[in-house]
Protein backbone atom coordinates (compact mmCIF):
# COMPACT_ATOMS: atom_id res chain seq x y z
CA UNK A 1 63.62 50.60 -20.35
CA UNK A 2 60.56 51.87 -20.35
CA UNK A 3 59.23 52.83 -23.48
CA UNK A 4 57.28 56.46 -24.87
CA UNK A 5 53.99 56.60 -24.72
CA UNK A 6 52.23 57.17 -28.29
CA UNK A 7 50.65 60.57 -27.83
CA UNK A 8 46.75 61.05 -28.60
CA UNK A 9 45.92 62.07 -31.86
CA UNK A 10 43.97 65.48 -31.58
CA UNK A 11 39.85 64.45 -31.55
CA UNK A 12 40.29 60.78 -30.65
CA UNK A 13 40.31 59.61 -27.39
CA UNK A 14 43.21 57.84 -26.04
CA UNK A 15 41.89 54.00 -26.39
CA UNK A 16 40.73 51.94 -23.00
CA UNK A 17 43.70 49.31 -21.78
CA UNK A 18 42.47 45.87 -22.96
CA UNK A 19 41.24 43.41 -20.33
CA UNK A 20 43.98 40.87 -19.64
CA UNK A 21 43.39 37.87 -21.83
CA UNK A 22 41.31 34.75 -19.99
CA UNK A 23 43.28 31.46 -19.90
CA UNK A 24 41.93 28.88 -22.39
CA UNK A 25 40.96 26.68 -19.38
CA UNK A 26 39.99 29.05 -16.85
CA UNK A 27 36.33 28.91 -15.50
CA UNK A 28 34.37 31.95 -16.01
CA UNK A 29 33.97 34.28 -13.09
CA UNK A 30 31.05 33.65 -10.44
CA UNK A 31 28.49 36.78 -9.96
CA UNK A 32 28.51 38.16 -6.42
CA UNK A 33 25.30 36.29 -5.51
CA UNK A 34 25.20 33.43 -7.33
CA UNK A 35 24.40 29.86 -5.76
CA UNK A 36 28.11 27.49 -5.85
CA UNK A 37 28.38 25.05 -8.43
CA UNK A 38 27.16 21.85 -7.64
CA UNK A 39 30.23 19.13 -7.84
CA UNK A 40 29.97 17.17 -10.69
CA UNK A 41 29.20 13.56 -8.60
CA UNK A 42 26.83 15.16 -6.08
CA UNK A 43 24.10 13.28 -4.64
CA UNK A 44 20.63 14.00 -6.19
CA UNK A 45 18.03 15.46 -3.95
CA UNK A 46 15.65 13.46 -2.26
CA UNK A 47 12.30 13.13 -3.65
CA UNK A 48 8.90 13.48 -1.42
CA UNK A 49 7.82 10.00 -0.40
CA UNK A 50 5.85 8.57 -3.85
CA UNK A 51 2.30 7.17 -3.97
CA UNK A 52 2.00 3.37 -4.04
CA UNK A 53 3.16 2.08 -7.40
CA UNK A 54 1.07 0.90 -10.05
CA UNK A 55 0.56 -3.18 -9.48
CA UNK A 56 1.06 -5.22 -12.79
CA UNK A 57 0.63 -8.60 -13.17
CA UNK A 58 2.95 -10.60 -10.95
CA UNK A 59 3.69 -7.82 -8.73
CA UNK A 60 1.75 -9.01 -5.78
CA UNK A 61 3.12 -11.36 -3.41
CA UNK A 62 1.00 -13.61 -1.12
CA UNK A 63 2.70 -15.39 1.98
CA UNK A 64 1.40 -16.69 5.07
CA UNK A 65 1.82 -13.97 7.84
CA UNK A 66 4.36 -13.74 10.49
CA UNK A 67 5.32 -12.06 13.83
CA UNK A 68 7.14 -9.25 12.12
CA UNK A 69 3.65 -8.20 10.23
CA UNK A 70 1.96 -7.79 13.60
CA UNK A 71 2.00 -3.59 13.22
CA UNK A 72 0.40 -3.96 9.32
CA UNK A 73 -2.15 -6.69 10.72
CA UNK A 74 -3.37 -4.29 13.67
CA UNK A 75 -3.81 -1.12 10.84
CA UNK A 76 -5.48 -3.48 8.65
CA UNK A 77 -7.74 -4.54 10.65
CA UNK A 78 -8.57 -0.98 12.01
CA UNK A 79 -8.73 0.45 8.84
CA UNK A 80 -11.55 -2.27 7.84
CA UNK A 81 -13.20 -1.16 10.71
CA UNK A 82 -13.34 2.45 9.98
CA UNK A 83 -14.71 1.27 6.66
CA UNK A 84 -17.61 -0.88 7.85
CA UNK A 85 -18.57 1.97 10.55
CA UNK A 86 -19.32 4.18 7.59
CA UNK A 87 -21.57 1.53 6.40
CA UNK A 88 -23.20 1.05 9.05
CA UNK A 89 -22.27 2.17 12.44
CA UNK A 90 -25.10 0.54 14.54
CA UNK A 91 -23.64 -3.21 13.83
CA UNK A 92 -20.14 -2.14 13.51
CA UNK A 93 -17.13 -0.53 15.53
CA UNK A 94 -13.72 0.10 15.90
CA UNK A 95 -11.95 -2.06 18.53
CA UNK A 96 -9.16 -0.72 20.36
CA UNK A 97 -5.66 -0.72 19.05
CA UNK A 98 -4.44 -2.73 22.23
CA UNK A 99 -6.96 -5.35 21.93
CA UNK A 100 -6.18 -6.05 18.27
CA UNK A 101 -2.53 -5.71 19.13
CA UNK A 102 -2.66 -8.36 21.73
CA UNK A 103 -5.01 -10.50 19.71
CA UNK A 104 -2.40 -10.86 16.77
CA UNK A 105 0.35 -11.29 19.30
CA UNK A 106 -1.36 -14.47 20.55
CA UNK A 107 -2.21 -15.97 17.03
CA UNK A 108 0.67 -15.20 14.98
CA UNK A 109 2.58 -17.00 13.35
CA UNK A 110 -1.26 -18.30 12.29
CA UNK A 111 -1.88 -21.06 9.37
CA UNK A 112 -4.69 -19.46 7.99
CA UNK A 113 -3.95 -15.38 7.70
CA UNK A 114 -2.48 -14.51 4.60
CA UNK A 115 -0.35 -11.26 3.80
CA UNK A 116 -0.15 -9.57 0.39
CA UNK A 117 3.03 -7.34 -0.55
CA UNK A 118 3.61 -5.02 -2.97
CA UNK A 119 7.14 -4.13 -3.61
CA UNK A 120 8.11 -5.20 -0.17
CA UNK A 121 4.98 -3.11 1.64
CA UNK A 122 1.77 -5.20 3.17
CA UNK A 123 -1.21 -4.01 0.94
CA UNK A 124 -3.54 -6.57 2.38
CA UNK A 125 -4.56 -9.67 3.71
CA UNK A 126 -7.10 -12.56 3.94
CA UNK A 127 -8.25 -14.75 6.86
CA UNK A 128 -9.67 -17.92 7.19
CA UNK A 129 -12.04 -19.00 10.26
CA UNK A 130 -13.24 -22.48 10.30
CA UNK A 131 -16.80 -23.05 10.81
CA UNK A 132 -18.04 -25.18 13.37
CA UNK A 133 -19.86 -27.96 11.92
CA UNK A 134 -23.61 -28.43 11.73
CA UNK A 135 -24.67 -30.79 15.07
CA UNK A 136 -26.39 -34.13 14.07
CA UNK A 137 -30.14 -33.03 15.34
CA UNK A 138 -29.95 -29.83 12.52
CA UNK A 139 -31.06 -30.26 9.09
CA UNK A 140 -28.02 -28.63 7.44
CA UNK A 141 -25.64 -31.05 5.87
CA UNK A 142 -22.28 -31.61 7.44
CA UNK A 143 -19.75 -29.81 5.17
CA UNK A 144 -16.60 -28.82 6.45
CA UNK A 145 -16.56 -24.63 5.68
CA UNK A 146 -14.81 -21.37 6.69
CA UNK A 147 -15.42 -17.83 6.34
CA UNK A 148 -13.22 -15.55 4.36
CA UNK A 149 -12.17 -12.09 5.24
CA UNK A 150 -10.51 -10.13 2.57
CA UNK A 151 -8.75 -6.51 3.47
CA UNK A 152 -7.08 -4.40 1.10
CA UNK A 153 -5.65 -0.99 2.04
CA UNK A 154 -7.22 2.01 -0.38
CA UNK A 155 -4.22 2.76 -2.24
CA UNK A 156 -4.00 -0.70 -3.36
CA UNK A 157 -7.80 -1.33 -4.15
CA UNK A 158 -8.73 -2.31 -7.82
CA UNK A 159 -5.09 -2.87 -8.69
CA UNK A 160 -5.94 -7.00 -8.51
CA UNK A 161 -4.16 -7.55 -4.79
CA UNK A 162 -7.70 -8.46 -3.80
CA UNK A 163 -7.83 -11.34 -6.38
CA UNK A 164 -4.44 -12.23 -5.63
CA UNK A 165 -5.40 -12.54 -2.20
CA UNK A 166 -8.52 -14.65 -2.44
CA UNK A 167 -7.22 -17.19 -4.89
CA UNK A 168 -4.48 -17.58 -2.61
CA UNK A 169 -6.95 -18.26 0.07
CA UNK A 170 -8.95 -20.88 -1.76
CA UNK A 171 -6.09 -23.11 -2.53
CA UNK A 172 -4.87 -22.63 1.45
CA UNK A 173 -8.60 -23.59 2.17
CA UNK A 174 -8.69 -26.60 0.02
CA UNK A 175 -5.23 -27.48 1.60
CA UNK A 176 -6.81 -27.65 4.80
CA UNK A 177 -9.60 -29.86 4.13
CA UNK A 178 -12.21 -27.04 3.82
CA UNK A 179 -15.16 -27.95 1.32
CA UNK A 180 -16.84 -24.39 0.76
CA UNK A 181 -16.02 -20.54 1.76
CA UNK A 182 -18.36 -18.36 2.77
CA UNK A 183 -18.43 -14.72 2.53
CA UNK A 184 -20.41 -12.47 5.07
CA UNK A 185 -20.99 -9.11 3.67
CA UNK A 186 -22.61 -5.83 5.14
CA UNK A 187 -25.46 -4.88 3.76
CA UNK A 188 -24.94 -2.10 1.47
CA UNK A 189 -21.49 -3.16 0.62
CA UNK A 190 -21.80 -3.34 -3.03
CA UNK A 191 -18.53 -3.07 -3.84
CA UNK A 192 -17.45 -6.58 -1.92
CA UNK A 193 -20.90 -7.94 -3.40
CA UNK A 194 -19.49 -7.44 -6.74
CA UNK A 195 -16.08 -8.34 -5.93
CA UNK A 196 -16.72 -11.78 -4.76
CA UNK A 197 -19.65 -12.44 -6.81
CA UNK A 198 -17.41 -11.98 -9.94
CA UNK A 199 -14.90 -15.05 -7.90
CA UNK A 200 -18.11 -17.39 -8.25
CA UNK A 201 -19.42 -16.79 -4.67
CA UNK A 202 -23.19 -17.22 -5.20
CA UNK A 203 -26.00 -16.12 -2.76
CA UNK A 204 -26.51 -19.11 -0.28
CA UNK A 205 -29.74 -17.29 1.66
CA UNK A 206 -30.62 -14.17 3.11
CA UNK A 207 -30.00 -12.97 6.67
CA UNK A 208 -32.34 -10.44 8.17
CA UNK A 209 -32.38 -8.78 11.45
CA UNK A 210 -34.68 -7.03 13.91
CA UNK A 211 -33.46 -4.70 16.53
CA UNK A 212 -35.63 -5.70 19.94
CA UNK A 213 -36.57 -2.62 22.28
């Protein structure tokens, strides 16, 4: 049976019908153009590729070069070439990538070539190149020597990678019976001069050149 409606009081509008009660645990209504809610266990968005991490003591791993390092070694060689061409384009060049690749394909694995890694990424390399002994008719004392070449990628420079490589190269050189290491440095490469000087490398002479017509 329906109940009679209560008559409206003159001068007072009839009250609007109340909204139905919202259940205690019901989700609030979603606005028409709102983004859908993110599931509680949804994967976070993938961040952009970050810059190389800060390098702390002990973060640098130095190991012998392997065949899997071929691509990284090619990039290191070409990056080093570009840096030296900027120093003196009349002396240095950027070699053809395929020629550099063929070189490392031939020599790897290489007992006298070291790789530096930071968090699994190749950051630099160091190579020892044996120097021929002075023949008996020359005035130089015969000493078993090697040239050392150290290359560090720009994002890792100044972070201890070069120091770790050179220290490992010295240990490797001594283990192979070398008595002295040489570091040939291009004129104007003051950064390299300071790097090697801080690690005990001293001048042994001056090499002067003259371009002939």
